[in-house]
Every structure is written in structure tokens, then in C-alpha cells.
N, C-alpha and C. Protein backbone atom coordinates (compact mmCIF):
# COMPACT_ATOMS: atom_id res chain seq x y z
N UNK A 1 69.78 143.61 142.00
CA UNK A 1 69.35 142.20 141.88
C UNK A 1 70.30 141.28 143.40
N UNK A 2 69.85 141.71 144.18
CA UNK A 2 70.57 140.71 145.71
C UNK A 2 70.78 139.26 145.14
N UNK A 3 71.71 138.64 144.93
CA UNK A 3 71.96 137.36 144.86
C UNK A 3 71.13 135.91 146.11
N UNK A 4 71.15 136.72 147.62
CA UNK A 4 70.21 136.35 148.12
C UNK A 4 69.07 135.62 147.60
N UNK A 5 68.31 136.25 146.45
CA UNK A 5 66.93 136.13 146.19
C UNK A 5 66.66 134.79 146.02
N UNK A 6 68.13 134.34 146.30
CA UNK A 6 67.96 132.37 145.10
C UNK A 6 67.85 131.65 146.20
N UNK A 7 68.51 132.50 147.58
CA UNK A 7 68.31 131.18 148.76
C UNK A 7 66.14 131.18 149.09
N UNK A 8 65.71 131.65 148.13
CA UNK A 8 64.44 131.65 148.56
C UNK A 8 63.90 130.45 147.68
N UNK A 9 63.60 129.16 148.08
CA UNK A 9 63.93 128.12 147.39
C UNK A 9 62.30 127.57 147.67
N UNK A 10 61.47 128.19 148.12
CA UNK A 10 60.24 127.60 148.16
C UNK A 10 59.24 128.25 147.60
N UNK A 11 60.03 129.66 146.81
CA UNK A 11 59.29 130.53 145.84
C UNK A 11 58.51 130.22 144.64
N UNK A 12 57.76 130.93 144.48
CA UNK A 12 56.56 130.63 142.61
C UNK A 12 56.21 131.68 141.77
N UNK A 13 55.81 132.66 142.68
CA UNK A 13 55.93 133.86 141.96
C UNK A 13 56.85 134.79 142.35
N UNK A 14 57.25 135.59 141.31
CA UNK A 14 58.53 136.64 141.97
C UNK A 14 57.35 137.87 141.05
N UNK A 15 57.50 138.80 141.43
CA UNK A 15 56.98 140.00 140.94
C UNK A 15 57.45 140.86 140.99
N UNK A 16 59.05 141.59 140.00
CA UNK A 16 59.35 142.69 139.66
C UNK A 16 58.82 144.23 139.06
N UNK A 17 57.66 143.77 138.84
CA UNK A 17 57.49 145.14 138.21
C UNK A 17 57.41 145.82 138.23
N UNK A 18 57.52 147.38 137.61
CA UNK A 18 57.70 148.24 137.46
C UNK A 18 58.96 149.46 138.73
N UNK A 19 60.59 148.23 138.71
CA UNK A 19 60.82 148.50 139.75
C UNK A 19 62.26 149.04 138.30
N UNK A 20 62.47 149.47 137.54
CA UNK A 20 64.06 150.14 136.94
C UNK A 20 65.11 149.21 136.74
N UNK A 21 64.09 147.89 136.81
CA UNK A 21 65.38 146.56 136.52
C UNK A 21 66.00 146.80 134.82
N UNK A 22 66.98 146.56 134.36
CA UNK A 22 67.55 146.53 133.09
C UNK A 22 68.44 145.59 132.36
N UNK A 23 68.11 144.39 133.12
CA UNK A 23 67.87 142.72 132.40
C UNK A 23 67.64 142.09 132.80
N UNK A 24 67.70 140.55 132.73
CA UNK A 24 67.19 139.59 133.30
C UNK A 24 67.79 139.37 134.38
N UNK A 25 68.22 139.03 135.60
CA UNK A 25 68.26 138.59 136.51
C UNK A 25 69.42 137.74 136.61
N UNK A 26 70.66 137.39 136.00
CA UNK A 26 71.79 136.54 135.96
C UNK A 26 71.67 135.33 137.19
N UNK A 27 71.57 135.47 138.24
CA UNK A 27 71.34 134.92 139.84
C UNK A 27 70.33 134.31 139.69
N UNK A 28 69.04 134.40 139.07
CA UNK A 28 67.64 133.98 138.74
C UNK A 28 67.76 132.80 137.51
N UNK A 29 67.93 133.36 136.55
CA UNK A 29 68.36 132.29 135.35
C UNK A 29 69.16 130.97 135.57
N UNK A 30 70.47 131.43 136.34
CA UNK A 30 71.15 130.49 136.45
C UNK A 30 70.82 129.49 137.73
N UNK A 31 69.83 130.05 138.59
CA UNK A 31 69.52 128.95 139.85
C UNK A 31 69.17 128.13 139.40
N UNK A 32 69.86 126.49 140.01
CA UNK A 32 68.99 125.60 140.56
C UNK A 32 68.08 125.19 142.10
N UNK A 33 68.50 126.91 142.44
CA UNK A 33 68.11 126.14 143.90
C UNK A 33 66.31 126.63 143.86
N UNK A 34 66.69 127.44 143.25
CA UNK A 34 64.83 128.20 142.30
C UNK A 34 63.61 127.24 142.18
N UNK A 35 63.94 126.16 142.34
CA UNK A 35 63.36 125.17 141.01
C UNK A 35 62.07 125.24 141.17
N UNK A 36 61.57 125.84 142.15
CA UNK A 36 59.45 125.94 142.45
C UNK A 36 59.01 127.37 141.48
N UNK A 37 59.97 128.16 141.92
CA UNK A 37 59.55 128.70 140.64
C UNK A 37 58.81 129.07 138.99
N UNK A 38 57.54 129.57 139.07
CA UNK A 38 56.72 129.39 138.21
C UNK A 38 55.87 131.07 137.39
N UNK A 39 56.66 131.57 137.65
CA UNK A 39 55.58 132.87 137.55
C UNK A 39 56.91 133.90 137.48
N UNK A 40 57.33 134.50 136.48
CA UNK A 40 58.45 135.63 136.66
C UNK A 40 57.87 137.02 136.31
N UNK A 41 57.61 138.46 136.69
CA UNK A 41 57.37 139.27 136.08
C UNK A 41 58.23 140.16 136.00
N UNK A 42 58.75 140.53 135.25
CA UNK A 42 59.33 141.83 134.93
C UNK A 42 58.79 143.02 133.72
N UNK A 43 57.83 142.76 134.16
CA UNK A 43 57.10 143.98 132.79
C UNK A 43 57.54 145.56 133.99
N UNK A 44 56.88 146.57 133.07
CA UNK A 44 57.73 147.88 133.73
C UNK A 44 58.67 148.15 133.84
N UNK A 45 59.46 147.40 132.94
CA UNK A 45 61.00 147.79 133.28
C UNK A 45 62.36 148.50 132.43
N UNK A 46 63.22 148.09 131.97
CA UNK A 46 63.75 148.43 131.17
C UNK A 46 65.22 147.74 130.84
N UNK A 47 64.39 146.64 130.63
CA UNK A 47 64.90 145.80 129.61
C UNK A 47 65.41 145.62 128.78
N UNK A 48 66.28 145.53 127.60
CA UNK A 48 66.04 146.07 126.34
C UNK A 48 66.83 144.87 125.74
N UNK A 49 67.16 143.23 125.99
CA UNK A 49 67.13 142.13 125.71
C UNK A 49 67.44 141.12 126.39
N UNK A 50 66.63 140.13 125.68
CA UNK A 50 66.46 139.18 126.16
C UNK A 50 67.97 137.37 126.33
N UNK A 51 68.50 137.73 127.39
CA UNK A 51 70.03 136.85 127.24
C UNK A 51 70.01 135.63 126.78
N UNK A 52 70.76 135.17 125.50
CA UNK A 52 70.55 133.92 125.44
C UNK A 52 70.53 132.64 126.69
N UNK A 53 71.68 133.46 127.42
CA UNK A 53 72.08 131.56 128.63
C UNK A 53 69.84 131.22 129.14
N UNK A 54 68.87 131.87 129.38
CA UNK A 54 67.74 131.98 129.28
C UNK A 54 67.65 130.25 128.71
N UNK A 55 68.28 130.14 126.85
CA UNK A 55 67.55 128.82 126.72
C UNK A 55 68.64 127.91 126.75
N UNK A 56 69.64 128.04 127.30
CA UNK A 56 70.83 127.34 127.77
C UNK A 56 70.34 126.66 128.98
N UNK A 57 69.75 126.72 129.83
CA UNK A 57 69.64 126.13 130.85
C UNK A 57 68.20 125.37 130.86
N UNK A 58 68.03 125.36 132.37
CA UNK A 58 66.50 124.69 132.24
C UNK A 58 64.96 126.04 133.70
N UNK A 59 65.95 127.03 133.19
CA UNK A 59 64.90 127.95 133.65
C UNK A 59 63.47 128.14 132.65
N UNK A 60 63.69 128.73 131.84
CA UNK A 60 62.76 128.15 130.69
C UNK A 60 61.57 127.07 130.89
N UNK A 61 62.61 125.72 131.03
CA UNK A 61 61.17 124.49 131.33
C UNK A 61 60.12 124.60 132.34
N UNK A 62 60.61 125.35 133.65
CA UNK A 62 60.47 125.45 135.25
C UNK A 62 58.87 126.71 134.53
N UNK A 63 58.54 127.25 134.22
CA UNK A 63 58.30 128.23 134.20
C UNK A 63 57.16 128.38 132.98
N UNK A 64 56.32 128.65 134.20
CA UNK A 64 54.58 128.35 133.33
C UNK A 64 54.51 130.02 132.70
N UNK A 65 54.98 131.66 133.10
CA UNK A 65 54.38 132.66 133.10
C UNK A 65 56.10 133.34 132.90
N UNK A 66 55.89 134.10 131.79
CA UNK A 66 57.45 134.11 131.79
C UNK A 66 56.53 136.24 131.51
N UNK A 67 56.34 137.33 132.27
CA UNK A 67 55.78 138.46 131.45
C UNK A 67 56.87 139.40 131.36
N UNK A 68 57.52 139.40 130.13
CA UNK A 68 58.16 140.84 129.91
C UNK A 68 57.91 142.19 129.28
N UNK A 69 56.75 142.53 129.75
CA UNK A 69 55.95 143.06 128.94
C UNK A 69 56.42 144.67 129.07
N UNK A 70 56.41 145.86 128.61
CA UNK A 70 56.64 146.89 128.94
C UNK A 70 57.57 147.28 128.81
N UNK A 71 58.42 146.43 128.18
CA UNK A 71 59.83 146.77 127.72
C UNK A 71 60.79 147.17 126.95
N UNK A 72 61.66 147.85 127.08
CA UNK A 72 62.52 148.42 125.77
C UNK A 72 63.08 147.15 125.17
N UNK A 73 62.86 145.75 124.81
CA UNK A 73 63.22 144.84 123.70
C UNK A 73 62.93 145.49 122.60
N UNK A 74 63.64 145.41 121.94
CA UNK A 74 63.72 145.51 120.37
C UNK A 74 63.33 144.69 119.46
N UNK A 75 64.61 143.20 119.14
CA UNK A 75 64.26 142.22 118.93
C UNK A 75 64.41 140.68 119.71
N UNK A 76 63.25 139.83 119.30
CA UNK A 76 63.38 138.83 119.61
C UNK A 76 65.08 137.81 118.94
N UNK A 77 65.24 136.78 120.08
CA UNK A 77 65.88 136.02 119.33
C UNK A 77 64.73 134.64 119.12
N UNK A 78 65.46 134.41 117.94
CA UNK A 78 64.76 133.08 117.35
C UNK A 78 64.44 132.07 117.95
N UNK A 79 65.31 131.64 119.40
CA UNK A 79 65.33 130.63 120.58
C UNK A 79 63.88 130.28 120.44
N UNK A 80 63.25 132.13 120.64
CA UNK A 80 62.38 132.26 121.76
C UNK A 80 60.70 131.59 121.21
N UNK A 81 60.91 131.45 119.97
CA UNK A 81 59.33 131.25 119.09
C UNK A 81 59.38 129.38 119.64
N UNK A 82 60.43 128.93 119.42
CA UNK A 82 60.59 127.37 119.51
C UNK A 82 59.98 127.29 121.41
N UNK A 83 60.55 127.69 121.80
CA UNK A 83 59.96 128.06 123.19
C UNK A 83 59.39 127.75 123.78
N UNK A 84 57.77 128.51 123.42
CA UNK A 84 57.12 128.96 124.27
C UNK A 84 55.96 127.78 124.22
N UNK A 85 55.59 126.76 123.80
CA UNK A 85 54.65 125.90 124.08
C UNK A 85 54.37 125.43 125.39
N UNK A 86 55.15 125.67 126.42
CA UNK A 86 55.45 125.20 127.29
C UNK A 86 55.40 126.39 128.72
N UNK A 87 54.99 127.48 127.99
CA UNK A 87 55.08 127.87 129.44
C UNK A 87 54.05 129.94 128.79
N UNK A 88 53.70 130.28 128.86
CA UNK A 88 52.65 131.41 128.59
C UNK A 88 53.86 132.66 128.80
N UNK A 89 54.21 133.44 127.64
CA UNK A 89 55.45 134.45 127.44
C UNK A 89 54.32 136.06 127.53
N UNK A 90 54.34 136.85 127.75
CA UNK A 90 53.79 138.13 127.96
C UNK A 90 55.07 139.19 127.04
N UNK A 91 55.03 139.67 125.87
CA UNK A 91 55.75 141.03 125.53
C UNK A 91 55.22 142.24 125.34
């Protein structure tokens, strides 16, 4: 994932489904410039885990929908069940 994507500051929806993505892009999770991002679709990829860095910043509080369905995630982190009241989580 090119880091230049974080310069798209008015981006509301980002659909990266079916692209053989192997991990949730850290540049998006850590970005402070993508504050308008509300929907992130990473479905139908090869993601195996949800990094803890997602829970440690404002990434989840900005989102309204996170789609991680049809990936290879085998284990859900404990913190995810405490965070889902603010957005739709699709696994």
C-alpha cells in the first residue's frame, strides 16, 4: 500500500477488497490526515490478524464501518468486542 494514500484527506470510503492485501495497512491506521475516512472495506483479502495498533489510536472511533469479511482471520482480539458499539464490524 503506497503511503501517499494518506494524503487523500477528503476520502470517506476506501475499498480495497479482493486485492490480496495481507495486513491492515499501518499507514492508514496511524494516519492523522485521513480523519474523514468512515468506511474501510478490506474484505476478500488474505489478512490473518487484526493488529493491536488499531485499538491504541483514534482509528476505530473515526470509522463507521470496517469490513474484514472473507479473510483468513482465525482469532479475534479481546478489545474488539468492547469497541464495536460505535461502528459496524463485518467479519
